Structures are given as structure tokens and as C-alpha cells.
């Protein structure tokens, strides 16, 4: 399974309706499940980002199906593909020797 870390910031619309944020998080988790992703954790944070989500899915195509979330206008997101130590070791092992 591929791991993804999504960093989100509230838009002006999203912060005006911030009290609905926990409900929107539930809807996001349900949508993720429909497209084959599992939300492993979701946190509201203080600092540069308002929300951090860790999710898993079969591939990047599953993750991009969540673009529909952006259409709602409450958050802007940046999603990163994450690698655990085992996955990173495989990547490193494939680097050609110079």
C-alpha cells in the first residue's frame, strides 16, 4: 500500500465554517473509503498547516480521486507520497553505483 501525507489549510470559506470541520472530516474519510483509501489518522494542527492527514491506498490514482474534496472550497491541500524505512531501503538499493 502507498502512504500519503496531506497538508491542508482552510480557505476563507473553510475558516468561516470551521465549526463544521469535524463533520467534514467524517465525510472526507467516507469519500476516501469509497475510492479505495484508508485514512490512518487526521489531525487539526497549529502552525503552518491547519490539518494533516495520513492515508493509505493502492496507488497515486486512488489518491487523486480525492480531488473532489477541493471542489467544495473549504481547504487547499498539498499531498506527499511517503515511504517507510523498508520502502526507502528498496529505493536506495536501486540507485546505480557511480
PDB file of N, CA and C in Angstrom:
ATOM      1  N   UNK A   1       0.831  -1.186   0.000  1.00  0.00           N
ATOM      2  CA  UNK A   1       0.000   0.000   0.000  1.00  0.00           C
ATOM      3  C   UNK A   1       0.875   1.249   0.000  1.00  0.00           C
ATOM      4  N   UNK A   2       0.459   2.232  -0.747  1.00  0.00           N
ATOM      5  CA  UNK A   2       1.152   3.512  -0.777  1.00  0.00           C
ATOM      6  C   UNK A   2       0.648   4.383   0.373  1.00  0.00           C
ATOM      7  N   UNK A   3       1.560   5.115   0.981  1.00  0.00           N
ATOM      8  CA  UNK A   3       1.215   6.028   2.071  1.00  0.00           C
ATOM      9  C   UNK A   3       1.285   7.454   1.561  1.00  0.00           C
ATOM     10  N   UNK A   4       0.324   8.268   1.985  1.00  0.00           N
ATOM     11  CA  UNK A   4       0.254   9.661   1.575  1.00  0.00           C
ATOM     12  C   UNK A   4       0.082  10.543   2.800  1.00  0.00           C
ATOM     13  N   UNK A   5       0.739  11.684   2.778  1.00  0.00           N
ATOM     14  CA  UNK A   5       0.559  12.691   3.813  1.00  0.00           C
ATOM     15  C   UNK A   5      -0.026  13.914   3.132  1.00  0.00           C
ATOM     16  N   UNK A   6      -1.169  14.346   3.603  1.00  0.00           N
ATOM     17  CA  UNK A   6      -1.828  15.513   3.032  1.00  0.00           C
ATOM     18  C   UNK A   6      -1.781  16.649   4.038  1.00  0.00           C
ATOM     19  N   UNK A   7      -1.310  17.791   3.580  1.00  0.00           N
ATOM     20  CA  UNK A   7      -1.247  19.002   4.386  1.00  0.00           C
ATOM     21  C   UNK A   7      -2.339  19.932   3.868  1.00  0.00           C
ATOM     22  N   UNK A   8      -3.165  20.443   4.755  1.00  0.00           N
ATOM     23  CA  UNK A   8      -4.294  21.264   4.322  1.00  0.00           C
ATOM     24  C   UNK A   8      -4.346  22.576   5.092  1.00  0.00           C
ATOM     25  N   UNK A   9      -4.795  23.599   4.397  1.00  0.00           N
ATOM     26  CA  UNK A   9      -5.067  24.897   5.002  1.00  0.00           C
ATOM     27  C   UNK A   9      -6.501  25.278   4.700  1.00  0.00           C
ATOM     28  N   UNK A  10      -7.170  25.866   5.693  1.00  0.00           N
ATOM     29  CA  UNK A  10      -8.520  26.353   5.474  1.00  0.00           C
ATOM     30  C   UNK A  10      -8.500  27.510   4.488  1.00  0.00           C
ATOM     31  N   UNK A  11      -9.470  27.539   3.612  1.00  0.00           N
ATOM     32  CA  UNK A  11      -9.706  28.701   2.762  1.00  0.00           C
ATOM     33  C   UNK A  11     -10.510  29.699   3.599  1.00  0.00           C
ATOM     34  N   UNK A  12     -10.783  30.866   3.034  1.00  0.00           N
ATOM     35  CA  UNK A  12     -11.644  31.831   3.745  1.00  0.00           C
ATOM     36  C   UNK A  12     -12.994  31.203   4.057  1.00  0.00           C
ATOM     37  N   UNK A  13     -13.544  30.478   3.089  1.00  0.00           N
ATOM     38  CA  UNK A  13     -14.823  29.793   3.296  1.00  0.00           C
ATOM     39  C   UNK A  13     -14.702  28.755   4.403  1.00  0.00           C
ATOM     40  N   UNK A  14     -13.618  27.990   4.389  1.00  0.00           N
ATOM     41  CA  UNK A  14     -13.436  26.930   5.372  1.00  0.00           C
ATOM     42  C   UNK A  14     -13.300  27.448   6.788  1.00  0.00           C
ATOM     43  N   UNK A  15     -12.621  28.568   6.962  1.00  0.00           N
ATOM     44  CA  UNK A  15     -12.449  29.104   8.307  1.00  0.00           C
ATOM     45  C   UNK A  15     -13.744  29.747   8.799  1.00  0.00           C
ATOM     46  N   UNK A  16     -14.554  30.303   7.892  1.00  0.00           N
ATOM     47  CA  UNK A  16     -15.850  30.869   8.303  1.00  0.00           C
ATOM     48  C   UNK A  16     -16.775  29.785   8.835  1.00  0.00           C
ATOM     49  N   UNK A  17     -16.592  28.556   8.340  1.00  0.00           N
ATOM     50  CA  UNK A  17     -17.452  27.445   8.763  1.00  0.00           C
ATOM     51  C   UNK A  17     -16.642  26.395   9.517  1.00  0.00           C
ATOM     52  N   UNK A  18     -15.637  26.834  10.261  1.00  0.00           N
ATOM     53  CA  UNK A  18     -14.718  25.917  10.947  1.00  0.00           C
ATOM     54  C   UNK A  18     -15.435  25.000  11.933  1.00  0.00           C
ATOM     55  N   UNK A  19     -16.555  25.431  12.475  1.00  0.00           N
ATOM     56  CA  UNK A  19     -17.295  24.585  13.421  1.00  0.00           C
ATOM     57  C   UNK A  19     -17.798  23.305  12.761  1.00  0.00           C
ATOM     58  N   UNK A  20     -17.901  23.311  11.428  1.00  0.00           N
ATOM     59  CA  UNK A  20     -18.334  22.117  10.690  1.00  0.00           C
ATOM     60  C   UNK A  20     -17.163  21.200  10.335  1.00  0.00           C
ATOM     61  N   UNK A  21     -15.953  21.608  10.674  1.00  0.00           N
ATOM     62  CA  UNK A  21     -14.758  20.873  10.265  1.00  0.00           C
ATOM     63  C   UNK A  21     -14.749  19.408  10.714  1.00  0.00           C
ATOM     64  N   UNK A  22     -15.110  19.092  11.962  1.00  0.00           N
ATOM     65  CA  UNK A  22     -15.137  17.661  12.330  1.00  0.00           C
ATOM     66  C   UNK A  22     -16.110  16.851  11.467  1.00  0.00           C
ATOM     67  N   UNK A  23     -17.257  17.435  11.135  1.00  0.00           N
ATOM     68  CA  UNK A  23     -18.221  16.744  10.269  1.00  0.00           C
ATOM     69  C   UNK A  23     -17.642  16.569   8.867  1.00  0.00           C
ATOM     70  N   UNK A  24     -16.959  17.599   8.359  1.00  0.00           N
ATOM     71  CA  UNK A  24     -16.336  17.490   7.032  1.00  0.00           C
ATOM     72  C   UNK A  24     -15.246  16.421   7.030  1.00  0.00           C
ATOM     73  N   UNK A  25     -14.548  16.280   8.146  1.00  0.00           N
ATOM     74  CA  UNK A  25     -13.513  15.241   8.244  1.00  0.00           C
ATOM     75  C   UNK A  25     -14.146  13.852   8.145  1.00  0.00           C
ATOM     76  N   UNK A  26     -15.301  13.664   8.768  1.00  0.00           N
ATOM     77  CA  UNK A  26     -16.007  12.380   8.658  1.00  0.00           C
ATOM     78  C   UNK A  26     -16.411  12.119   7.217  1.00  0.00           C
ATOM     79  N   UNK A  27     -16.912  13.145   6.534  1.00  0.00           N
ATOM     80  CA  UNK A  27     -17.313  13.000   5.131  1.00  0.00           C
ATOM     81  C   UNK A  27     -16.093  12.695   4.254  1.00  0.00           C
ATOM     82  N   UNK A  28     -14.961  13.327   4.544  1.00  0.00           N
ATOM     83  CA  UNK A  28     -13.726  13.063   3.810  1.00  0.00           C
ATOM     84  C   UNK A  28     -13.296  11.608   3.985  1.00  0.00           C
ATOM     85  N   UNK A  29     -13.351  11.115   5.215  1.00  0.00           N
ATOM     86  CA  UNK A  29     -12.966   9.728   5.496  1.00  0.00           C
ATOM     87  C   UNK A  29     -13.868   8.758   4.745  1.00  0.00           C
ATOM     88  N   UNK A  30     -15.154   9.059   4.696  1.00  0.00           N
ATOM     89  CA  UNK A  30     -16.099   8.199   3.966  1.00  0.00           C
ATOM     90  C   UNK A  30     -15.813   8.226   2.463  1.00  0.00           C
ATOM     91  N   UNK A  31     -15.533   9.416   1.913  1.00  0.00           N
ATOM     92  CA  UNK A  31     -15.210   9.525   0.494  1.00  0.00           C
ATOM     93  C   UNK A  31     -13.924   8.778   0.186  1.00  0.00           C
ATOM     94  N   UNK A  32     -12.943   8.906   1.056  1.00  0.00           N
ATOM     95  CA  UNK A  32     -11.674   8.199   0.863  1.00  0.00           C
ATOM     96  C   UNK A  32     -11.914   6.697   0.767  1.00  0.00           C
ATOM     97  N   UNK A  33     -12.742   6.169   1.643  1.00  0.00           N
ATOM     98  CA  UNK A  33     -13.039   4.733   1.628  1.00  0.00           C
ATOM     99  C   UNK A  33     -13.691   4.322   0.308  1.00  0.00           C
ATOM    100  N   UNK A  34     -14.547   5.183  -0.232  1.00  0.00           N
ATOM    101  CA  UNK A  34     -15.221   4.868  -1.496  1.00  0.00           C
ATOM    102  C   UNK A  34     -14.245   4.761  -2.667  1.00  0.00           C
ATOM    103  N   UNK A  35     -13.137   5.504  -2.599  1.00  0.00           N
ATOM    104  CA  UNK A  35     -12.170   5.464  -3.702  1.00  0.00           C
ATOM    105  C   UNK A  35     -10.999   4.539  -3.411  1.00  0.00           C
ATOM    106  N   UNK A  36     -11.090   3.788  -2.305  1.00  0.00           N
ATOM    107  CA  UNK A  36     -10.073   2.793  -2.010  1.00  0.00           C
ATOM    108  C   UNK A  36      -8.936   3.252  -1.121  1.00  0.00           C
ATOM    109  N   UNK A  37      -9.141   4.342  -0.399  1.00  0.00           N
ATOM    110  CA  UNK A  37      -8.131   4.832   0.533  1.00  0.00           C
ATOM    111  C   UNK A  37      -8.583   4.605   1.968  1.00  0.00           C
ATOM    112  N   UNK A  38      -7.625   4.446   2.847  1.00  0.00           N
ATOM    113  CA  UNK A  38      -7.901   4.343   4.273  1.00  0.00           C
ATOM    114  C   UNK A  38      -7.247   5.526   4.965  1.00  0.00           C
ATOM    115  N   UNK A  39      -8.030   6.313   5.678  1.00  0.00           N
ATOM    116  CA  UNK A  39      -7.473   7.404   6.467  1.00  0.00           C
ATOM    117  C   UNK A  39      -6.954   6.784   7.755  1.00  0.00           C
ATOM    118  N   UNK A  40      -5.631   6.815   7.916  1.00  0.00           N
ATOM    119  CA  UNK A  40      -4.998   6.235   9.104  1.00  0.00           C
ATOM    120  C   UNK A  40      -5.070   7.189  10.283  1.00  0.00           C
ATOM    121  N   UNK A  41      -4.915   8.490  10.020  1.00  0.00           N
ATOM    122  CA  UNK A  41      -5.027   9.494  11.074  1.00  0.00           C
ATOM    123  C   UNK A  41      -5.304  10.856  10.443  1.00  0.00           C
ATOM    124  N   UNK A  42      -5.989  11.691  11.199  1.00  0.00           N
ATOM    125  CA  UNK A  42      -6.317  13.038  10.765  1.00  0.00           C
ATOM    126  C   UNK A  42      -6.200  13.922  11.990  1.00  0.00           C
ATOM    127  N   UNK A  43      -5.406  14.983  11.863  1.00  0.00           N
ATOM    128  CA  UNK A  43      -5.165  15.888  12.989  1.00  0.00           C
ATOM    129  C   UNK A  43      -5.402  17.326  12.574  1.00  0.00           C
ATOM    130  N   UNK A  44      -5.994  18.101  13.461  1.00  0.00           N
ATOM    131  CA  UNK A  44      -6.042  19.543  13.318  1.00  0.00           C
ATOM    132  C   UNK A  44      -4.776  20.037  14.001  1.00  0.00           C
ATOM    133  N   UNK A  45      -4.061  20.949  13.355  1.00  0.00           N
ATOM    134  CA  UNK A  45      -2.757  21.347  13.860  1.00  0.00           C
ATOM    135  C   UNK A  45      -2.661  22.867  14.002  1.00  0.00           C
ATOM    136  N   UNK A  46      -1.721  23.290  14.823  1.00  0.00           N
ATOM    137  CA  UNK A  46      -1.395  24.702  14.972  1.00  0.00           C
ATOM    138  C   UNK A  46      -0.054  24.922  14.302  1.00  0.00           C
ATOM    139  N   UNK A  47       0.047  25.938  13.481  1.00  0.00           N
ATOM    140  CA  UNK A  47       1.294  26.197  12.773  1.00  0.00           C
ATOM    141  C   UNK A  47       1.023  26.504  11.317  1.00  0.00           C
ATOM    142  N   UNK A  48       1.904  26.076  10.453  1.00  0.00           N
ATOM    143  CA  UNK A  48       1.816  26.400   9.027  1.00  0.00           C
ATOM    144  C   UNK A  48       0.639  25.731   8.325  1.00  0.00           C
ATOM    145  N   UNK A  49       0.177  24.611   8.854  1.00  0.00           N
ATOM    146  CA  UNK A  49      -0.951  23.891   8.253  1.00  0.00           C
ATOM    147  C   UNK A  49      -2.044  23.714   9.289  1.00  0.00           C
ATOM    148  N   UNK A  50      -3.287  23.672   8.816  1.00  0.00           N
ATOM    149  CA  UNK A  50      -4.431  23.537   9.707  1.00  0.00           C
ATOM    150  C   UNK A  50      -4.819  22.086   9.956  1.00  0.00           C
ATOM    151  N   UNK A  51      -4.554  21.224   8.976  1.00  0.00           N
ATOM    152  CA  UNK A  51      -4.927  19.810   9.070  1.00  0.00           C
ATOM    153  C   UNK A  51      -3.823  18.972   8.437  1.00  0.00           C
ATOM    154  N   UNK A  52      -3.539  17.826   9.051  1.00  0.00           N
ATOM    155  CA  UNK A  52      -2.603  16.851   8.491  1.00  0.00           C
ATOM    156  C   UNK A  52      -3.320  15.502   8.458  1.00  0.00           C
ATOM    157  N   UNK A  53      -3.291  14.865   7.292  1.00  0.00           N
ATOM    158  CA  UNK A  53      -3.948  13.570   7.120  1.00  0.00           C
ATOM    159  C   UNK A  53      -2.916  12.552   6.658  1.00  0.00           C
ATOM    160  N   UNK A  54      -2.927  11.381   7.272  1.00  0.00           N
ATOM    161  CA  UNK A  54      -2.108  10.260   6.816  1.00  0.00           C
ATOM    162  C   UNK A  54      -3.077   9.216   6.281  1.00  0.00           C
ATOM    163  N   UNK A  55      -2.875   8.824   5.018  1.00  0.00           N
ATOM    164  CA  UNK A  55      -3.772   7.844   4.410  1.00  0.00           C
ATOM    165  C   UNK A  55      -2.964   6.813   3.630  1.00  0.00           C
ATOM    166  N   UNK A  56      -3.628   5.702   3.339  1.00  0.00           N
ATOM    167  CA  UNK A  56      -3.020   4.628   2.548  1.00  0.00           C
ATOM    168  C   UNK A  56      -3.966   4.237   1.438  1.00  0.00           C
ATOM    169  N   UNK A  57      -3.381   3.884   0.299  1.00  0.00           N
ATOM    170  CA  UNK A  57      -4.173   3.432  -0.830  1.00  0.00           C
ATOM    171  C   UNK A  57      -3.341   2.587  -1.759  1.00  0.00           C
ATOM    172  N   UNK A  58      -3.998   2.030  -2.743  1.00  0.00           N
ATOM    173  CA  UNK A  58      -3.308   1.129  -3.660  1.00  0.00           C
ATOM    174  C   UNK A  58      -2.261   1.846  -4.506  1.00  0.00           C
ATOM    175  N   UNK A  59      -2.537   3.098  -4.880  1.00  0.00           N
ATOM    176  CA  UNK A  59      -1.601   3.836  -5.732  1.00  0.00           C
ATOM    177  C   UNK A  59      -1.976   5.310  -5.788  1.00  0.00           C
ATOM    178  N   UNK A  60      -1.207   6.073  -6.553  1.00  0.00           N
ATOM    179  CA  UNK A  60      -1.442   7.503  -6.675  1.00  0.00           C
ATOM    180  C   UNK A  60      -2.790   7.810  -7.330  1.00  0.00           C
ATOM    181  N   UNK A  61      -3.246   6.943  -8.207  1.00  0.00           N
ATOM    182  CA  UNK A  61      -4.530   7.165  -8.876  1.00  0.00           C
ATOM    183  C   UNK A  61      -5.665   7.204  -7.867  1.00  0.00           C
ATOM    184  N   UNK A  62      -5.601   6.348  -6.856  1.00  0.00           N
ATOM    185  CA  UNK A  62      -6.635   6.361  -5.820  1.00  0.00           C
ATOM    186  C   UNK A  62      -6.618   7.696  -5.085  1.00  0.00           C
ATOM    187  N   UNK A  63      -5.430   8.199  -4.797  1.00  0.00           N
ATOM    188  CA  UNK A  63      -5.316   9.459  -4.075  1.00  0.00           C
ATOM    189  C   UNK A  63      -5.859  10.621  -4.880  1.00  0.00           C
ATOM    190  N   UNK A  64      -5.595  10.634  -6.180  1.00  0.00           N
ATOM    191  CA  UNK A  64      -6.059  11.755  -6.990  1.00  0.00           C
ATOM    192  C   UNK A  64      -7.578  11.785  -7.118  1.00  0.00           C
ATOM    193  N   UNK A  65      -8.233  10.684  -6.841  1.00  0.00           N
ATOM    194  CA  UNK A  65      -9.696  10.670  -6.865  1.00  0.00           C
ATOM    195  C   UNK A  65     -10.275  11.592  -5.803  1.00  0.00           C
ATOM    196  N   UNK A  66      -9.480  11.967  -4.827  1.00  0.00           N
ATOM    197  CA  UNK A  66      -9.957  12.858  -3.774  1.00  0.00           C
ATOM    198  C   UNK A  66      -9.904  14.330  -4.184  1.00  0.00           C
ATOM    199  N   UNK A  67      -9.564  14.610  -5.428  1.00  0.00           N
ATOM    200  CA  UNK A  67      -9.589  15.991  -5.903  1.00  0.00           C
ATOM    201  C   UNK A  67     -10.972  16.604  -5.735  1.00  0.00           C
ATOM    202  N   UNK A  68     -11.980  15.763  -5.679  1.00  0.00           N
ATOM    203  CA  UNK A  68     -13.344  16.248  -5.474  1.00  0.00           C
ATOM    204  C   UNK A  68     -13.468  17.036  -4.178  1.00  0.00           C
ATOM    205  N   UNK A  69     -12.629  16.724  -3.197  1.00  0.00           N
ATOM    206  CA  UNK A  69     -12.655  17.445  -1.927  1.00  0.00           C
ATOM    207  C   UNK A  69     -12.361  18.922  -2.148  1.00  0.00           C
ATOM    208  N   UNK A  70     -11.416  19.225  -3.023  1.00  0.00           N
ATOM    209  CA  UNK A  70     -11.064  20.607  -3.301  1.00  0.00           C
ATOM    210  C   UNK A  70     -12.188  21.399  -3.933  1.00  0.00           C
ATOM    211  N   UNK A  71     -13.078  20.724  -4.644  1.00  0.00           N
ATOM    212  CA  UNK A  71     -14.198  21.400  -5.280  1.00  0.00           C
ATOM    213  C   UNK A  71     -15.143  22.018  -4.265  1.00  0.00           C
ATOM    214  N   UNK A  72     -15.135  21.516  -3.051  1.00  0.00           N
ATOM    215  CA  UNK A  72     -16.037  22.037  -2.032  1.00  0.00           C
ATOM    216  C   UNK A  72     -15.594  23.407  -1.527  1.00  0.00           C
ATOM    217  N   UNK A  73     -14.316  23.727  -1.700  1.00  0.00           N
ATOM    218  CA  UNK A  73     -13.838  25.061  -1.394  1.00  0.00           C
ATOM    219  C   UNK A  73     -13.473  25.356   0.052  1.00  0.00           C
ATOM    220  N   UNK A  74     -13.382  24.341   0.897  1.00  0.00           N
ATOM    221  CA  UNK A  74     -13.082  24.579   2.312  1.00  0.00           C
ATOM    222  C   UNK A  74     -11.602  24.504   2.649  1.00  0.00           C
ATOM    223  N   UNK A  75     -10.842  23.762   1.858  1.00  0.00           N
ATOM    224  CA  UNK A  75      -9.409  23.617   2.114  1.00  0.00           C
ATOM    225  C   UNK A  75      -8.635  23.622   0.804  1.00  0.00           C
ATOM    226  N   UNK A  76      -7.368  23.977   0.934  1.00  0.00           N
ATOM    227  CA  UNK A  76      -6.395  23.798  -0.145  1.00  0.00           C
ATOM    228  C   UNK A  76      -5.402  22.768   0.370  1.00  0.00           C
ATOM    229  N   UNK A  77      -5.044  21.831  -0.473  1.00  0.00           N
ATOM    230  CA  UNK A  77      -4.215  20.722   0.002  1.00  0.00           C
ATOM    231  C   UNK A  77      -2.929  20.580  -0.795  1.00  0.00           C
ATOM    232  N   UNK A  78      -1.990  19.940  -0.149  1.00  0.00           N
ATOM    233  CA  UNK A  78      -0.746  19.512  -0.774  1.00  0.00           C
ATOM    234  C   UNK A  78      -0.547  18.085  -0.296  1.00  0.00           C
ATOM    235  N   UNK A  79      -0.414  17.145  -1.232  1.00  0.00           N
ATOM    236  CA  UNK A  79      -0.284  15.742  -0.865  1.00  0.00           C
ATOM    237  C   UNK A  79       1.102  15.234  -1.232  1.00  0.00           C
ATOM    238  N   UNK A  80       1.695  14.519  -0.309  1.00  0.00           N
ATOM    239  CA  UNK A  80       3.040  13.991  -0.459  1.00  0.00           C
ATOM    240  C   UNK A  80       3.001  12.473  -0.413  1.00  0.00           C
ATOM    241  N   UNK A  81       3.744  11.822  -1.284  1.00  0.00           N
ATOM    242  CA  UNK A  81       3.899  10.360  -1.222  1.00  0.00           C
ATOM    243  C   UNK A  81       4.955  10.095  -0.160  1.00  0.00           C
ATOM    244  N   UNK A  82       4.636   9.249   0.786  1.00  0.00           N
ATOM    245  CA  UNK A  82       5.555   8.947   1.887  1.00  0.00           C
ATOM    246  C   UNK A  82       6.055   7.515   1.763  1.00  0.00           C
ATOM    247  N   UNK A  83       7.266   7.269   2.278  1.00  0.00           N
ATOM    248  CA  UNK A  83       7.887   5.952   2.213  1.00  0.00           C
ATOM    249  C   UNK A  83       8.346   5.547   3.604  1.00  0.00           C
ATOM    250  N   UNK A  84       8.050   4.308   3.986  1.00  0.00           N
ATOM    251  CA  UNK A  84       8.568   3.805   5.266  1.00  0.00           C
ATOM    252  C   UNK A  84      10.016   3.351   5.057  1.00  0.00           C
ATOM    253  N   UNK A  85      10.664   2.906   6.133  1.00  0.00           N
ATOM    254  CA  UNK A  85      12.089   2.541   6.057  1.00  0.00           C
ATOM    255  C   UNK A  85      12.343   1.410   5.059  1.00  0.00           C
ATOM    256  N   UNK A  86      11.482   0.398   5.030  1.00  0.00           N
ATOM    257  CA  UNK A  86      11.658  -0.722   4.106  1.00  0.00           C
ATOM    258  C   UNK A  86      11.543  -0.257   2.655  1.00  0.00           C
ATOM    259  N   UNK A  87      10.534   0.559   2.372  1.00  0.00           N
ATOM    260  CA  UNK A  87      10.362   1.074   1.012  1.00  0.00           C
ATOM    261  C   UNK A  87      11.553   1.948   0.610  1.00  0.00           C
ATOM    262  N   UNK A  88      12.024   2.766   1.537  1.00  0.00           N
ATOM    263  CA  UNK A  88      13.154   3.638   1.232  1.00  0.00           C
ATOM    264  C   UNK A  88      14.419   2.824   0.966  1.00  0.00           C
ATOM    265  N   UNK A  89      14.608   1.744   1.724  1.00  0.00           N
ATOM    266  CA  UNK A  89      15.785   0.895   1.501  1.00  0.00           C
ATOM    267  C   UNK A  89      15.758   0.292   0.105  1.00  0.00           C
ATOM    268  N   UNK A  90      14.579  -0.142  -0.362  1.00  0.00           N
ATOM    269  CA  UNK A  90      14.462  -0.683  -1.717  1.00  0.00           C
ATOM    270  C   UNK A  90      14.816   0.378  -2.752  1.00  0.00           C
ATOM    271  N   UNK A  91      14.371   1.608  -2.536  1.00  0.00           N
ATOM    272  CA  UNK A  91      14.677   2.703  -3.455  1.00  0.00           C
ATOM    273  C   UNK A  91      16.190   2.932  -3.476  1.00  0.00           C
ATOM    274  N   UNK A  92      16.795   2.998  -2.312  1.00  0.00           N
ATOM    275  CA  UNK A  92      18.233   3.229  -2.213  1.00  0.00           C
ATOM    276  C   UNK A  92      19.016   2.096  -2.881  1.00  0.00           C
ATOM    277  N   UNK A  93      18.548   0.873  -2.691  1.00  0.00           N
ATOM    278  CA  UNK A  93      19.235  -0.275  -3.295  1.00  0.00           C
ATOM    279  C   UNK A  93      19.225  -0.224  -4.823  1.00  0.00           C
ATOM    280  N   UNK A  94      18.270   0.487  -5.398  1.00  0.00           N
ATOM    281  CA  UNK A  94      18.180   0.586  -6.855  1.00  0.00           C
ATOM    282  C   UNK A  94      18.953   1.749  -7.442  1.00  0.00           C
ATOM    283  N   UNK A  95      19.598   2.547  -6.600  1.00  0.00           N
ATOM    284  CA  UNK A  95      20.403   3.654  -7.111  1.00  0.00           C
ATOM    285  C   UNK A  95      21.672   3.071  -7.729  1.00  0.00           C
ATOM    286  N   UNK A  96      21.929   3.416  -8.995  1.00  0.00           N
ATOM    287  CA  UNK A  96      23.140   2.879  -9.632  1.00  0.00           C
ATOM    288  C   UNK A  96      24.403   3.376  -8.920  1.00  0.00           C
ATOM    289  N   UNK A  97      25.393   2.492  -8.848  1.00  0.00           N
ATOM    290  CA  UNK A  97      26.676   2.881  -8.269  1.00  0.00           C
ATOM    291  C   UNK A  97      27.449   3.694  -9.269  1.00  0.00           C
ATOM    292  N   UNK A  98      28.104   4.735  -8.782  1.00  0.00           N
ATOM    293  CA  UNK A  98      28.864   5.581  -9.719  1.00  0.00           C
ATOM    294  C   UNK A  98      30.323   5.187  -9.787  1.00  0.00           C
TER     295      UNK A  98
END
